[in-house]
Amino acid sequence: DYEHLKNVIVIMILPKDPFGYNHMVYTVQNQCLEIPDMPYDDGAKTIFFYTKGTEGNPTTELKEFLTYMEETKKDNAKNESLKKIHGMVEQVKDDGKASVEYMKIFEKEKMLKEK
């Protein structure tokens, strides 16, 4: 039943500003175009994180996370959570099998885009 659907949140992390307002965070939800003031919440939300944004009031932790996502290097792992993530990233990079699988996926996506 429609009333039992779970909320859906789509998260996009982008190196380019999708809307041109230089915000680090944009949250987009559906609304009724005919009656804009009508309360409407279907549980769907899209959050755009612009890694180079400077506007808005994001938390320090979010700023650090997006800096790390922009450039995944040890120096950018500023807090414990990011250090754990960086450790996992390094493990995957060191795992030859995972690297080969990633390259296969990358090549397949590239071919599909070209077609």
N, C-alpha and C. Protein backbone atom coordinates (compact mmCIF):
# COMPACT_ATOMS: atom_id res chain seq x y z
N ASP A 1 0.82 -1.19 0.00
CA ASP A 1 0.00 0.00 0.00
C ASP A 1 0.87 1.25 0.00
N TYR A 2 0.38 2.28 -0.64
CA TYR A 2 1.10 3.55 -0.74
C TYR A 2 1.48 4.10 0.62
N GLU A 3 0.56 3.97 1.59
CA GLU A 3 0.82 4.54 2.92
C GLU A 3 1.94 3.82 3.66
N HIS A 4 2.34 2.65 3.19
CA HIS A 4 3.38 1.88 3.86
C HIS A 4 4.74 1.98 3.17
N LEU A 5 4.83 2.82 2.15
CA LEU A 5 6.11 2.99 1.46
C LEU A 5 7.12 3.66 2.39
N LYS A 6 8.36 3.25 2.27
CA LYS A 6 9.42 3.84 3.09
C LYS A 6 9.88 5.14 2.46
N ASN A 7 10.46 6.01 3.28
CA ASN A 7 11.04 7.25 2.77
C ASN A 7 12.21 6.92 1.85
N VAL A 8 12.40 7.75 0.85
CA VAL A 8 13.49 7.57 -0.11
C VAL A 8 14.33 8.84 -0.09
N ILE A 9 15.61 8.67 0.19
CA ILE A 9 16.53 9.81 0.18
C ILE A 9 17.64 9.49 -0.81
N VAL A 10 17.77 10.32 -1.83
CA VAL A 10 18.83 10.19 -2.82
C VAL A 10 19.91 11.19 -2.45
N ILE A 11 21.14 10.72 -2.31
CA ILE A 11 22.26 11.60 -1.95
C ILE A 11 23.23 11.64 -3.11
N MET A 12 23.56 12.86 -3.53
CA MET A 12 24.52 13.05 -4.62
C MET A 12 25.66 13.91 -4.10
N ILE A 13 26.88 13.46 -4.32
CA ILE A 13 28.07 14.22 -3.94
C ILE A 13 28.73 14.66 -5.24
N LEU A 14 28.82 15.98 -5.42
CA LEU A 14 29.23 16.52 -6.71
C LEU A 14 30.41 17.49 -6.60
N PRO A 15 31.35 17.44 -7.54
CA PRO A 15 32.46 18.40 -7.56
C PRO A 15 32.09 19.70 -8.28
N LYS A 16 30.90 19.73 -8.90
CA LYS A 16 30.42 20.94 -9.58
C LYS A 16 29.08 21.35 -8.97
N ASP A 17 28.86 22.64 -8.90
CA ASP A 17 27.64 23.17 -8.30
C ASP A 17 26.45 22.89 -9.23
N PRO A 18 25.48 22.08 -8.77
CA PRO A 18 24.37 21.73 -9.65
C PRO A 18 23.38 22.86 -9.91
N PHE A 19 23.36 23.89 -9.05
CA PHE A 19 22.38 24.96 -9.18
C PHE A 19 22.99 26.35 -9.28
N GLY A 20 24.29 26.47 -9.03
CA GLY A 20 24.97 27.75 -9.21
C GLY A 20 24.85 28.75 -8.08
N TYR A 21 24.47 28.31 -6.88
CA TYR A 21 24.35 29.22 -5.74
C TYR A 21 25.49 29.07 -4.74
N ASN A 22 26.46 28.21 -5.02
CA ASN A 22 27.64 27.99 -4.19
C ASN A 22 27.32 27.44 -2.80
N HIS A 23 26.19 26.77 -2.65
CA HIS A 23 25.85 26.14 -1.37
C HIS A 23 26.52 24.78 -1.28
N MET A 24 26.91 24.41 -0.09
CA MET A 24 27.49 23.10 0.13
C MET A 24 26.38 22.03 0.17
N VAL A 25 25.18 22.43 0.60
CA VAL A 25 24.07 21.49 0.71
C VAL A 25 22.82 22.09 0.07
N TYR A 26 22.18 21.31 -0.79
CA TYR A 26 20.88 21.65 -1.36
C TYR A 26 19.95 20.47 -1.05
N THR A 27 18.82 20.73 -0.42
CA THR A 27 17.84 19.68 -0.13
C THR A 27 16.59 19.97 -0.96
N VAL A 28 16.18 19.00 -1.77
CA VAL A 28 15.06 19.19 -2.68
C VAL A 28 13.97 18.18 -2.33
N GLN A 29 12.73 18.69 -2.19
CA GLN A 29 11.58 17.84 -1.91
C GLN A 29 10.47 18.16 -2.90
N ASN A 30 9.55 17.22 -3.06
CA ASN A 30 8.41 17.43 -3.96
C ASN A 30 7.41 18.39 -3.34
N GLN A 31 6.64 19.04 -4.22
CA GLN A 31 5.56 19.90 -3.77
C GLN A 31 4.48 19.90 -4.85
N CYS A 32 3.31 20.35 -4.49
CA CYS A 32 2.21 20.49 -5.43
C CYS A 32 2.37 21.83 -6.14
N LEU A 33 2.51 21.81 -7.46
CA LEU A 33 2.73 23.05 -8.21
C LEU A 33 1.48 23.93 -8.24
N GLU A 34 0.30 23.31 -8.26
CA GLU A 34 -0.93 24.09 -8.31
C GLU A 34 -1.23 24.80 -6.99
N ILE A 35 -0.83 24.19 -5.89
CA ILE A 35 -1.07 24.79 -4.56
C ILE A 35 0.25 24.71 -3.78
N PRO A 36 1.18 25.62 -4.06
CA PRO A 36 2.52 25.55 -3.46
C PRO A 36 2.54 25.55 -1.93
N ASP A 37 1.55 26.18 -1.28
CA ASP A 37 1.53 26.25 0.18
C ASP A 37 0.93 24.99 0.82
N MET A 38 0.40 24.09 0.01
CA MET A 38 -0.23 22.88 0.54
C MET A 38 0.84 21.96 1.12
N PRO A 39 0.67 21.55 2.38
CA PRO A 39 1.64 20.61 2.95
C PRO A 39 1.63 19.29 2.17
N TYR A 40 2.80 18.84 1.78
CA TYR A 40 2.90 17.59 1.03
C TYR A 40 4.24 16.95 1.35
N ASP A 41 4.20 15.74 1.83
CA ASP A 41 5.44 15.02 2.12
C ASP A 41 5.25 13.56 1.72
N ASP A 42 5.81 13.20 0.57
CA ASP A 42 5.69 11.82 0.11
C ASP A 42 6.88 10.97 0.56
N GLY A 43 7.75 11.55 1.36
CA GLY A 43 8.90 10.80 1.87
C GLY A 43 10.08 10.78 0.92
N ALA A 44 9.96 11.46 -0.22
CA ALA A 44 11.06 11.50 -1.19
C ALA A 44 11.84 12.80 -1.01
N LYS A 45 13.15 12.67 -1.02
CA LYS A 45 14.02 13.83 -0.82
C LYS A 45 15.32 13.56 -1.57
N THR A 46 15.87 14.60 -2.19
CA THR A 46 17.18 14.50 -2.82
C THR A 46 18.09 15.53 -2.17
N ILE A 47 19.25 15.08 -1.74
CA ILE A 47 20.22 15.98 -1.12
C ILE A 47 21.45 16.03 -2.02
N PHE A 48 21.80 17.23 -2.43
CA PHE A 48 22.98 17.45 -3.25
C PHE A 48 24.06 18.06 -2.37
N PHE A 49 25.22 17.43 -2.33
CA PHE A 49 26.37 17.97 -1.61
C PHE A 49 27.36 18.47 -2.65
N TYR A 50 27.64 19.75 -2.63
CA TYR A 50 28.63 20.35 -3.53
C TYR A 50 29.93 20.48 -2.74
N THR A 51 30.94 19.73 -3.13
CA THR A 51 32.17 19.60 -2.34
C THR A 51 32.94 20.90 -2.18
N LYS A 52 32.75 21.85 -3.08
CA LYS A 52 33.50 23.11 -3.00
C LYS A 52 32.63 24.28 -2.54
N GLY A 53 31.40 24.00 -2.13
CA GLY A 53 30.49 25.07 -1.72
C GLY A 53 30.96 25.80 -0.48
N THR A 54 30.61 27.08 -0.40
CA THR A 54 31.02 27.88 0.76
C THR A 54 29.81 28.53 1.45
N GLU A 55 28.64 28.47 0.84
CA GLU A 55 27.45 29.08 1.42
C GLU A 55 26.70 28.09 2.31
N GLY A 56 25.88 28.63 3.20
CA GLY A 56 25.11 27.80 4.12
C GLY A 56 25.86 27.61 5.43
N ASN A 57 25.31 26.77 6.29
CA ASN A 57 25.91 26.52 7.61
C ASN A 57 26.13 25.03 7.87
N PRO A 58 26.88 24.35 7.01
CA PRO A 58 27.11 22.93 7.27
C PRO A 58 28.01 22.73 8.49
N THR A 59 27.90 21.58 9.10
CA THR A 59 28.73 21.27 10.27
C THR A 59 30.18 21.11 9.85
N THR A 60 31.06 21.22 10.82
CA THR A 60 32.49 21.00 10.56
C THR A 60 32.72 19.59 10.04
N GLU A 61 32.00 18.62 10.64
CA GLU A 61 32.16 17.22 10.21
C GLU A 61 31.77 17.04 8.74
N LEU A 62 30.69 17.70 8.30
CA LEU A 62 30.28 17.60 6.90
C LEU A 62 31.31 18.25 5.99
N LYS A 63 31.82 19.41 6.38
CA LYS A 63 32.86 20.08 5.58
C LYS A 63 34.08 19.18 5.43
N GLU A 64 34.49 18.54 6.53
CA GLU A 64 35.65 17.65 6.49
C GLU A 64 35.38 16.45 5.60
N PHE A 65 34.16 15.90 5.68
CA PHE A 65 33.79 14.75 4.86
C PHE A 65 33.84 15.10 3.38
N LEU A 66 33.27 16.25 3.01
CA LEU A 66 33.24 16.64 1.60
C LEU A 66 34.64 16.98 1.09
N THR A 67 35.48 17.54 1.94
CA THR A 67 36.88 17.78 1.55
C THR A 67 37.56 16.45 1.29
N TYR A 68 37.29 15.46 2.15
CA TYR A 68 37.87 14.13 1.96
C TYR A 68 37.34 13.48 0.67
N MET A 69 36.06 13.65 0.39
CA MET A 69 35.49 13.07 -0.82
C MET A 69 36.09 13.71 -2.07
N GLU A 70 36.41 14.99 -1.98
CA GLU A 70 37.03 15.69 -3.10
C GLU A 70 38.42 15.13 -3.39
N GLU A 71 39.16 14.84 -2.32
CA GLU A 71 40.52 14.30 -2.47
C GLU A 71 40.77 13.31 -1.33
N THR A 72 40.66 12.03 -1.65
CA THR A 72 40.77 10.98 -0.63
C THR A 72 42.23 10.66 -0.32
N LYS A 73 42.81 11.52 0.48
CA LYS A 73 44.18 11.28 0.93
C LYS A 73 44.23 11.35 2.45
N LYS A 74 45.24 10.76 3.02
CA LYS A 74 45.37 10.64 4.47
C LYS A 74 45.28 11.99 5.18
N ASP A 75 45.89 13.02 4.62
CA ASP A 75 45.88 14.35 5.24
C ASP A 75 44.47 14.92 5.38
N ASN A 76 43.55 14.48 4.54
CA ASN A 76 42.18 14.99 4.59
C ASN A 76 41.28 14.17 5.52
N ALA A 77 41.79 13.09 6.09
CA ALA A 77 41.04 12.30 7.06
C ALA A 77 41.23 12.95 8.43
N LYS A 78 40.44 13.99 8.70
CA LYS A 78 40.65 14.85 9.87
C LYS A 78 40.05 14.33 11.17
N ASN A 79 39.07 13.42 11.10
CA ASN A 79 38.44 12.93 12.33
C ASN A 79 38.43 11.40 12.33
N GLU A 80 37.99 10.82 13.42
CA GLU A 80 38.05 9.36 13.57
C GLU A 80 37.23 8.63 12.52
N SER A 81 36.05 9.15 12.21
CA SER A 81 35.21 8.52 11.19
C SER A 81 35.91 8.49 9.84
N LEU A 82 36.52 9.62 9.47
CA LEU A 82 37.23 9.68 8.19
C LEU A 82 38.48 8.81 8.20
N LYS A 83 39.12 8.70 9.34
CA LYS A 83 40.29 7.82 9.41
C LYS A 83 39.90 6.37 9.19
N LYS A 84 38.73 5.97 9.72
CA LYS A 84 38.23 4.61 9.49
C LYS A 84 37.91 4.40 8.01
N ILE A 85 37.23 5.39 7.42
CA ILE A 85 36.91 5.30 6.00
C ILE A 85 38.18 5.21 5.17
N HIS A 86 39.15 6.05 5.51
CA HIS A 86 40.41 6.04 4.76
C HIS A 86 41.11 4.68 4.87
N GLY A 87 41.05 4.06 6.05
CA GLY A 87 41.62 2.73 6.21
C GLY A 87 40.97 1.73 5.28
N MET A 88 39.64 1.80 5.15
CA MET A 88 38.93 0.90 4.23
C MET A 88 39.30 1.19 2.78
N VAL A 89 39.43 2.47 2.44
CA VAL A 89 39.82 2.84 1.07
C VAL A 89 41.20 2.27 0.75
N GLU A 90 42.12 2.39 1.68
CA GLU A 90 43.48 1.87 1.47
C GLU A 90 43.46 0.35 1.32
N GLN A 91 42.62 -0.34 2.09
CA GLN A 91 42.52 -1.80 1.97
C GLN A 91 42.05 -2.19 0.58
N VAL A 92 41.05 -1.50 0.08
CA VAL A 92 40.53 -1.82 -1.25
C VAL A 92 41.58 -1.52 -2.31
N LYS A 93 42.29 -0.41 -2.17
CA LYS A 93 43.33 -0.07 -3.13
C LYS A 93 44.44 -1.12 -3.16
N ASP A 94 44.74 -1.69 -1.98
CA ASP A 94 45.80 -2.69 -1.89
C ASP A 94 45.36 -4.08 -2.36
N ASP A 95 44.05 -4.28 -2.46
CA ASP A 95 43.50 -5.56 -2.88
C ASP A 95 43.46 -5.60 -4.41
N GLY A 96 44.36 -6.33 -5.01
CA GLY A 96 44.45 -6.41 -6.47
C GLY A 96 43.16 -6.85 -7.13
N LYS A 97 42.47 -7.82 -6.52
CA LYS A 97 41.23 -8.33 -7.09
C LYS A 97 40.17 -7.22 -7.14
N ALA A 98 40.06 -6.45 -6.07
CA ALA A 98 39.08 -5.37 -6.04
C ALA A 98 39.41 -4.32 -7.10
N SER A 99 40.69 -4.02 -7.28
CA SER A 99 41.11 -3.04 -8.28
C SER A 99 40.74 -3.50 -9.68
N VAL A 100 40.94 -4.78 -9.97
CA VAL A 100 40.61 -5.33 -11.29
C VAL A 100 39.10 -5.24 -11.52
N GLU A 101 38.30 -5.59 -10.51
CA GLU A 101 36.85 -5.52 -10.63
C GLU A 101 36.40 -4.08 -10.87
N TYR A 102 37.00 -3.15 -10.15
CA TYR A 102 36.66 -1.74 -10.33
C TYR A 102 36.96 -1.31 -11.77
N MET A 103 38.11 -1.69 -12.27
CA MET A 103 38.49 -1.29 -13.63
C MET A 103 37.54 -1.90 -14.65
N LYS A 104 37.09 -3.14 -14.43
CA LYS A 104 36.14 -3.76 -15.34
C LYS A 104 34.84 -2.96 -15.37
N ILE A 105 34.35 -2.59 -14.20
CA ILE A 105 33.11 -1.81 -14.11
C ILE A 105 33.30 -0.46 -14.78
N PHE A 106 34.44 0.18 -14.51
CA PHE A 106 34.74 1.49 -15.09
C PHE A 106 34.74 1.40 -16.62
N GLU A 107 35.39 0.38 -17.16
CA GLU A 107 35.46 0.20 -18.62
C GLU A 107 34.08 -0.06 -19.21
N LYS A 108 33.26 -0.88 -18.52
CA LYS A 108 31.91 -1.17 -19.01
C LYS A 108 31.08 0.12 -19.05
N GLU A 109 31.17 0.92 -17.99
CA GLU A 109 30.42 2.18 -17.96
C GLU A 109 30.88 3.11 -19.05
N LYS A 110 32.17 3.15 -19.29
CA LYS A 110 32.73 4.01 -20.34
C LYS A 110 32.20 3.58 -21.71
N MET A 111 32.18 2.27 -21.96
CA MET A 111 31.67 1.77 -23.23
C MET A 111 30.19 2.10 -23.41
N LEU A 112 29.41 1.95 -22.33
CA LEU A 112 27.98 2.27 -22.42
C LEU A 112 27.75 3.74 -22.71
N LYS A 113 28.53 4.60 -22.10
CA LYS A 113 28.40 6.03 -22.35
C LYS A 113 28.72 6.36 -23.79
N GLU A 114 29.76 5.71 -24.33
CA GLU A 114 30.16 5.97 -25.72
C GLU A 114 29.08 5.52 -26.70
N LYS A 115 28.39 4.42 -26.38
CA LYS A 115 27.32 3.93 -27.26
C LYS A 115 26.15 4.88 -27.20
